[in-house]
Amino acid sequence: MSKIIGVAGAGSWATALSVLLAHKGYTVRMWSRHAALAKEITITRENIRYLPGVIVPPAVEVTVHIEEAVREADAVVFAVPSHAFREVLQSALPHLSGTGLIINAAKGIEEDSLRRLSQAFAEVAGPQALERYVALSGPSHAEEVGRQVPTAVVAASSSIKSAEYAQDLFMCDNFRVYTNPDVAGVELGGALKNVIALGTGIADGLGFGDNTKAALMTRGLAEITRLGITLGANPLTFGGLAGVGDLIVTCTSMHSRNRRAGMAIGRGKSLEEALAEVGMVVEGVRTTRAARRLSELYGVNMPITEQMHEVLFEGFSPETAVNKLMTRGKKHETEEVALAAAALGKSQF
């Protein structure tokens, strides 16, 4: 009997994952908040607004009733914007199986609570449910996954059994899945890289070159790692798919909404104009506010995040931000290496 997979969300990523799972022979029930979108996908077998050009197989059923999507599902994939995760989870929870896997494909940090999404999940579903929770992350643009472009991601869970279940669920010839027990590191890497991608986009919009982009990505990874170590993550995670892998693809690809929004800002548009131009959720905007608050709360030095906050929310020009970053006091690059080595020495992994 074919597995039934519920998918909460009907944006580009939800659609790409639904298509992948349907190609593997599963029955997929995808929930859309919007009736018009659900009807359009059902009739045309294409998500024209969010993932044009990708055929949605008949095995993907689309519903506007979340209980229909998740009831009796062997696993439920949450692929909604991170700020909507808690609300959608609360709506779905009464209808979820008590044993089914919960796979979260959103990347972000709750802006008000500063919770990672696994922490939000534990607050809603109870800490005992964390053994059924998996974070799916890595360099994986929906536009390419939907076209079956070879992709590798990571499934992170406190339960190796759950991580391996998700691995088996998704893995196929063009979608490779690794497992990792470091949920904190995987979630932080997936969220914070969006802040750096906004920065590299701004640099591109200003007309800077590859040197600038490489500097922002490298130093961005350093501050992501600093915060991650402080919050209990394994530093090795940031050298993997959910860290440097996702950072590379989000900072360099035109599929990246965060990079495109940054480019518009670098060319002189306001944040509101940039978001309107992209036309979809740009996770890095909310994450910038959350990351800056976390850096202040824990005393972690995050200069790129600080400058992104000043540009996005405090009226500073991108040129001023670049000047501030370039004229900071002298530093030893190997300070980061020593910090990671010290943390690794105390790590349980």
Protein backbone atom coordinates (compact mmCIF):
# COMPACT_ATOMS: atom_id res chain seq x y z
CA MET A 1 0.00 0.00 0.00
CA SER A 2 1.35 3.42 -0.99
CA LYS A 3 2.37 5.79 1.76
CA ILE A 4 0.25 8.89 2.26
CA ILE A 5 2.26 12.08 2.66
CA GLY A 6 0.65 15.33 3.77
CA VAL A 7 2.21 18.60 2.65
CA ALA A 8 1.29 21.81 4.46
CA GLY A 9 1.84 24.67 2.03
CA ALA A 10 1.46 25.26 -1.69
CA GLY A 11 4.31 27.59 -2.55
CA SER A 12 7.31 26.74 -4.71
CA TRP A 13 9.09 24.53 -2.16
CA ALA A 14 5.93 22.70 -1.09
CA THR A 15 5.09 22.04 -4.73
CA ALA A 16 8.60 20.83 -5.63
CA LEU A 17 8.66 18.40 -2.70
CA SER A 18 5.13 17.19 -3.53
CA VAL A 19 6.20 16.48 -7.10
CA LEU A 20 9.31 14.62 -5.91
CA LEU A 21 7.30 12.48 -3.49
CA ALA A 22 4.63 11.74 -6.10
CA HIS A 23 7.33 10.59 -8.53
CA LYS A 24 8.43 8.13 -5.85
CA GLY A 25 4.98 6.55 -5.92
CA TYR A 26 3.42 8.09 -2.81
CA THR A 27 -0.04 9.59 -2.52
CA VAL A 28 0.51 13.27 -1.72
CA ARG A 29 -2.13 15.55 -0.21
CA MET A 30 -1.05 19.17 -0.48
CA TRP A 31 -2.80 21.89 1.50
CA SER A 32 -3.24 25.40 0.11
CA ARG A 33 -4.53 28.30 2.16
CA HIS A 34 -5.99 29.84 -1.01
CA ALA A 35 -8.92 28.22 -2.80
CA ALA A 36 -8.10 29.84 -6.15
CA LEU A 37 -4.58 28.43 -6.11
CA ALA A 38 -5.80 24.96 -5.14
CA LYS A 39 -8.33 25.00 -7.98
CA GLU A 40 -5.76 26.21 -10.49
CA ILE A 41 -3.24 23.49 -9.62
CA THR A 42 -5.97 20.83 -9.72
CA ILE A 43 -7.17 21.90 -13.16
CA THR A 44 -3.91 22.87 -14.90
CA ARG A 45 -1.59 20.46 -13.00
CA GLU A 46 0.85 23.33 -12.65
CA ASN A 47 1.59 25.89 -9.93
CA ILE A 48 1.85 28.76 -12.39
CA ARG A 49 2.40 31.46 -9.77
CA TYR A 50 5.07 29.79 -7.66
CA LEU A 51 6.65 27.03 -9.76
CA PRO A 52 5.84 27.51 -13.45
CA GLY A 53 6.92 24.89 -15.93
CA VAL A 54 6.80 21.95 -13.50
CA ILE A 55 4.03 19.40 -14.08
CA VAL A 56 2.21 18.36 -10.90
CA PRO A 57 1.41 14.62 -11.17
CA PRO A 58 -2.13 13.28 -10.61
CA ALA A 59 -0.90 11.61 -7.39
CA VAL A 60 -0.75 15.10 -5.83
CA GLU A 61 -4.20 15.96 -4.49
CA VAL A 62 -4.73 19.62 -3.53
CA THR A 63 -7.11 20.65 -0.75
CA VAL A 64 -8.00 23.80 1.16
CA HIS A 65 -8.82 21.78 4.28
CA ILE A 66 -5.71 21.09 6.32
CA GLU A 67 -7.36 18.18 8.12
CA GLU A 68 -7.78 16.41 4.76
CA ALA A 69 -4.11 16.90 3.97
CA VAL A 70 -2.69 15.55 7.23
CA ARG A 71 -5.25 13.02 8.50
CA GLU A 72 -3.91 9.43 8.42
CA ALA A 73 -0.69 10.60 6.80
CA ASP A 74 2.43 8.52 7.36
CA ALA A 75 4.43 11.76 7.35
CA VAL A 76 3.60 15.45 7.07
CA VAL A 77 5.92 17.95 5.42
CA PHE A 78 5.59 21.56 6.58
CA ALA A 79 6.75 23.85 3.79
CA VAL A 80 5.24 27.18 4.82
CA PRO A 81 7.05 30.47 5.56
CA SER A 82 8.82 30.21 8.91
CA HIS A 83 6.68 32.94 10.50
CA ALA A 84 3.57 30.86 9.71
CA PHE A 85 4.94 27.52 10.97
CA ARG A 86 3.59 27.74 14.52
CA GLU A 87 0.11 28.81 13.40
CA VAL A 88 -0.18 26.12 10.73
CA LEU A 89 1.15 23.48 13.12
CA GLN A 90 -1.47 24.45 15.69
CA SER A 91 -4.20 24.07 13.05
CA ALA A 92 -2.88 20.70 11.90
CA LEU A 93 -2.02 19.20 15.29
CA PRO A 94 -5.50 17.91 16.26
CA HIS A 95 -5.61 15.93 13.00
CA LEU A 96 -2.06 14.54 12.99
CA SER A 97 -1.29 10.91 13.63
CA GLY A 98 0.34 10.33 16.99
CA THR A 99 3.12 8.36 15.33
CA GLY A 100 3.59 10.02 11.94
CA LEU A 101 6.81 11.84 11.10
CA ILE A 102 6.85 15.65 11.07
CA ILE A 103 9.29 17.06 8.52
CA ASN A 104 9.89 20.79 8.59
CA ALA A 105 11.29 22.28 5.38
CA ALA A 106 11.00 25.94 6.42
CA LYS A 107 14.13 27.95 7.22
CA GLY A 108 13.90 30.74 9.75
CA ILE A 109 13.84 31.90 13.37
CA GLU A 110 10.69 33.14 15.09
CA GLU A 111 11.10 36.90 15.30
CA ASP A 112 9.13 37.48 18.52
CA SER A 113 10.23 34.47 20.56
CA LEU A 114 13.69 33.97 18.97
CA ARG A 115 12.89 30.26 18.90
CA ARG A 116 14.26 27.89 16.33
CA LEU A 117 11.44 26.05 14.59
CA SER A 118 12.11 22.78 16.41
CA GLN A 119 11.76 24.72 19.68
CA ALA A 120 8.46 26.18 18.46
CA PHE A 121 7.37 22.66 17.53
CA ALA A 122 8.19 21.37 21.02
CA GLU A 123 6.17 24.18 22.61
CA VAL A 124 3.12 23.33 20.48
CA ALA A 125 3.33 19.53 20.27
CA GLY A 126 5.21 18.84 23.50
CA PRO A 127 8.89 17.98 23.98
CA GLN A 128 8.15 14.26 23.79
CA ALA A 129 7.16 14.74 20.13
CA LEU A 130 10.65 15.93 19.16
CA GLU A 131 11.68 12.36 18.39
CA ARG A 132 9.25 12.54 15.45
CA TYR A 133 10.58 15.91 14.23
CA VAL A 134 13.00 16.24 11.30
CA ALA A 135 14.48 19.43 9.86
CA LEU A 136 15.12 19.20 6.11
CA SER A 137 17.68 21.72 4.89
CA GLY A 138 20.51 22.31 2.45
CA PRO A 139 21.21 23.87 -0.97
CA SER A 140 17.91 23.11 -2.69
CA HIS A 141 16.14 25.69 -4.82
CA ALA A 142 12.60 24.57 -5.62
CA GLU A 143 13.03 25.57 -9.27
CA GLU A 144 15.77 22.96 -9.68
CA VAL A 145 14.32 20.22 -7.46
CA GLY A 146 11.08 20.49 -9.44
CA ARG A 147 13.04 19.88 -12.65
CA GLN A 148 14.87 16.92 -11.11
CA VAL A 149 18.26 18.63 -11.09
CA PRO A 150 20.68 16.59 -8.91
CA THR A 151 20.48 17.95 -5.35
CA ALA A 152 21.82 16.98 -1.92
CA VAL A 153 20.24 17.95 1.40
CA VAL A 154 20.42 16.97 5.07
CA ALA A 155 17.74 15.54 7.38
CA ALA A 156 18.38 16.43 11.02
CA SER A 157 16.67 14.90 14.04
CA SER A 158 17.42 14.03 17.64
CA SER A 159 16.23 10.54 16.66
CA ILE A 160 18.42 8.73 14.15
CA LYS A 161 15.43 6.50 13.34
CA SER A 162 13.35 9.53 12.32
CA ALA A 163 16.22 11.05 10.32
CA GLU A 164 16.71 7.78 8.45
CA TYR A 165 12.97 7.48 7.81
CA ALA A 166 13.01 10.92 6.18
CA GLN A 167 16.14 9.96 4.27
CA ASP A 168 14.39 6.92 2.81
CA LEU A 169 11.23 8.91 2.13
CA PHE A 170 12.90 11.51 -0.09
CA MET A 171 16.04 9.87 -1.43
CA CYS A 172 16.09 9.02 -5.13
CA ASP A 173 18.43 9.18 -8.12
CA ASN A 174 18.39 12.99 -8.27
CA PHE A 175 17.77 13.87 -4.60
CA ARG A 176 20.39 12.67 -2.14
CA VAL A 177 19.72 12.94 1.60
CA TYR A 178 22.29 12.81 4.40
CA THR A 179 21.45 12.56 8.11
CA ASN A 180 22.71 14.68 11.00
CA PRO A 181 21.83 14.66 14.73
CA ASP A 182 22.61 18.39 15.10
CA VAL A 183 19.15 19.95 14.75
CA ALA A 184 20.31 23.29 16.17
CA GLY A 185 23.16 23.64 13.70
CA VAL A 186 21.09 22.60 10.70
CA GLU A 187 18.27 25.01 11.58
CA LEU A 188 20.60 27.92 12.32
CA GLY A 189 22.62 27.39 9.17
CA GLY A 190 19.47 27.29 7.04
CA ALA A 191 18.08 30.44 8.62
CA LEU A 192 21.13 32.68 8.97
CA LYS A 193 22.51 32.17 5.46
CA ASN A 194 19.55 34.24 4.22
CA VAL A 195 20.91 37.30 6.04
CA ILE A 196 24.26 36.93 4.29
CA ALA A 197 22.54 36.38 0.94
CA LEU A 198 20.77 39.73 1.33
CA GLY A 199 24.22 41.23 1.84
CA THR A 200 25.79 39.60 -1.21
CA GLY A 201 22.78 40.71 -3.24
CA ILE A 202 23.28 44.29 -2.10
CA ALA A 203 26.95 44.05 -3.09
CA ASP A 204 25.92 42.80 -6.53
CA GLY A 205 23.40 45.61 -6.83
CA LEU A 206 26.11 48.13 -6.01
CA GLY A 207 28.22 46.75 -8.85
CA PHE A 208 30.91 45.13 -6.71
CA GLY A 209 32.67 41.99 -7.88
CA ASP A 210 33.42 38.41 -6.99
CA ASN A 211 36.05 39.44 -4.43
CA THR A 212 33.39 41.24 -2.40
CA LYS A 213 30.97 38.35 -2.63
CA ALA A 214 33.60 35.84 -1.53
CA ALA A 215 34.56 38.04 1.43
CA LEU A 216 30.95 38.41 2.57
CA MET A 217 30.27 34.70 2.27
CA THR A 218 33.41 33.68 4.12
CA ARG A 219 33.08 36.20 6.93
CA GLY A 220 29.35 35.55 6.99
CA LEU A 221 30.01 31.88 7.62
CA ALA A 222 32.32 32.90 10.47
CA GLU A 223 29.60 34.85 12.26
CA ILE A 224 26.99 32.17 11.62
CA THR A 225 29.37 29.68 13.22
CA ARG A 226 30.06 31.97 16.19
CA LEU A 227 26.38 32.29 16.99
CA GLY A 228 25.76 28.61 16.31
CA ILE A 229 28.48 27.49 18.72
CA THR A 230 27.11 29.83 21.36
CA LEU A 231 23.65 28.30 20.95
CA GLY A 232 24.95 24.76 21.27
CA ALA A 233 25.44 23.69 17.64
CA ASN A 234 28.23 21.41 16.42
CA PRO A 235 30.69 23.62 14.45
CA LEU A 236 31.24 20.83 11.91
CA THR A 237 27.63 21.25 10.74
CA PHE A 238 28.45 24.68 9.31
CA GLY A 239 31.01 23.11 6.99
CA GLY A 240 28.31 20.84 5.54
CA LEU A 241 25.26 21.08 3.32
CA ALA A 242 23.12 23.08 5.76
CA GLY A 243 26.00 25.51 6.37
CA VAL A 244 28.45 26.39 3.64
CA GLY A 245 26.46 24.46 1.00
CA ASP A 246 23.26 26.42 1.50
CA LEU A 247 25.24 29.64 1.93
CA ILE A 248 26.91 29.22 -1.47
CA VAL A 249 23.74 28.54 -3.40
CA THR A 250 21.69 31.27 -1.69
CA CYS A 251 24.38 33.92 -2.13
CA THR A 252 25.11 33.18 -5.79
CA SER A 253 21.92 31.98 -7.50
CA MET A 254 19.30 34.08 -9.23
CA HIS A 255 16.75 31.61 -7.88
CA SER A 256 17.50 33.10 -4.43
CA ARG A 257 14.78 35.50 -3.31
CA ASN A 258 17.10 36.92 -0.66
CA ARG A 259 19.83 37.69 -3.17
CA ARG A 260 17.34 39.23 -5.62
CA ALA A 261 15.87 41.43 -2.87
CA GLY A 262 19.37 42.53 -1.89
CA MET A 263 20.22 43.37 -5.48
CA ALA A 264 17.17 45.61 -5.73
CA ILE A 265 18.17 47.42 -2.53
CA GLY A 266 21.73 47.82 -3.80
CA ARG A 267 20.32 49.47 -6.93
CA GLY A 268 18.53 52.05 -4.81
CA LYS A 269 15.11 50.57 -4.10
CA SER A 270 13.55 50.64 -0.65
CA LEU A 271 12.95 47.44 1.27
CA GLU A 272 9.24 47.60 0.49
CA GLU A 273 9.94 48.08 -3.23
CA ALA A 274 12.43 45.21 -3.23
CA LEU A 275 9.98 42.84 -1.55
CA ALA A 276 7.26 43.81 -4.01
CA GLU A 277 9.64 43.14 -6.90
CA VAL A 278 10.45 39.63 -5.64
CA GLY A 279 6.77 38.92 -5.03
CA MET A 280 7.32 36.05 -2.59
CA VAL A 281 8.43 35.69 1.03
CA VAL A 282 12.03 36.84 1.63
CA GLU A 283 12.94 34.97 4.81
CA GLY A 284 16.15 36.91 5.44
CA VAL A 285 14.31 40.11 6.34
CA ARG A 286 12.69 38.73 9.49
CA THR A 287 15.75 36.62 10.21
CA THR A 288 17.96 39.73 10.20
CA ARG A 289 15.95 41.21 13.05
CA ALA A 290 15.96 37.93 14.98
CA ALA A 291 19.69 37.32 14.43
CA ARG A 292 20.60 40.81 15.54
CA ARG A 293 18.61 40.38 18.75
CA LEU A 294 20.27 37.02 19.37
CA SER A 295 23.72 38.53 18.83
CA GLU A 296 22.94 41.23 21.37
CA LEU A 297 21.36 38.81 23.84
CA TYR A 298 24.32 36.42 23.80
CA GLY A 299 27.09 38.95 23.16
CA VAL A 300 28.13 37.44 19.82
CA ASN A 301 29.97 39.67 17.36
CA MET A 302 28.05 39.64 14.04
CA PRO A 303 29.15 42.70 12.04
CA ILE A 304 27.54 41.73 8.71
CA THR A 305 24.22 41.06 10.41
CA GLU A 306 24.52 44.40 12.23
CA GLN A 307 25.11 46.29 9.00
CA MET A 308 22.26 44.47 7.26
CA HIS A 309 19.97 45.57 10.10
CA GLU A 310 21.09 49.17 9.69
CA VAL A 311 20.42 49.13 5.94
CA LEU A 312 17.07 47.33 6.13
CA PHE A 313 15.55 49.01 9.18
CA GLU A 314 17.57 52.04 10.26
CA GLY A 315 17.85 54.08 7.07
CA PHE A 316 21.58 53.60 6.45
CA SER A 317 22.77 53.49 2.84
CA PRO A 318 24.36 50.29 1.49
CA GLU A 319 27.52 52.28 0.72
CA THR A 320 27.80 53.31 4.38
CA ALA A 321 27.40 49.70 5.48
CA VAL A 322 30.20 48.54 3.19
CA ASN A 323 32.48 51.30 4.44
CA LYS A 324 31.80 50.32 8.06
CA LEU A 325 32.64 46.69 7.35
CA MET A 326 35.84 47.53 5.49
CA THR A 327 37.15 49.97 8.10
CA ARG A 328 36.61 47.84 11.20
CA GLY A 329 39.54 47.24 13.53
CA LYS A 330 42.18 44.66 12.68
CA LYS A 331 41.39 41.01 13.41
CA HIS A 332 43.12 37.61 13.36
CA GLU A 333 41.23 35.28 11.04
CA THR A 334 42.33 32.22 13.00
CA GLU A 335 40.38 33.40 16.05
CA GLU A 336 37.39 31.68 14.43
CA VAL A 337 39.35 28.44 14.00
CA ALA A 338 40.38 28.45 17.66
CA LEU A 339 36.78 29.07 18.76
CA ALA A 340 35.49 26.18 16.65
CA ALA A 341 38.26 23.87 17.86
CA ALA A 342 37.50 24.70 21.48
CA ALA A 343 33.80 24.06 20.95
CA LEU A 344 34.49 20.81 19.14
CA GLY A 345 36.60 19.65 22.05
CA LYS A 346 33.59 20.02 24.32
CA SER A 347 31.11 18.63 21.80
CA GLN A 348 29.20 15.43 22.39
CA PHE A 349 29.40 14.49 18.70
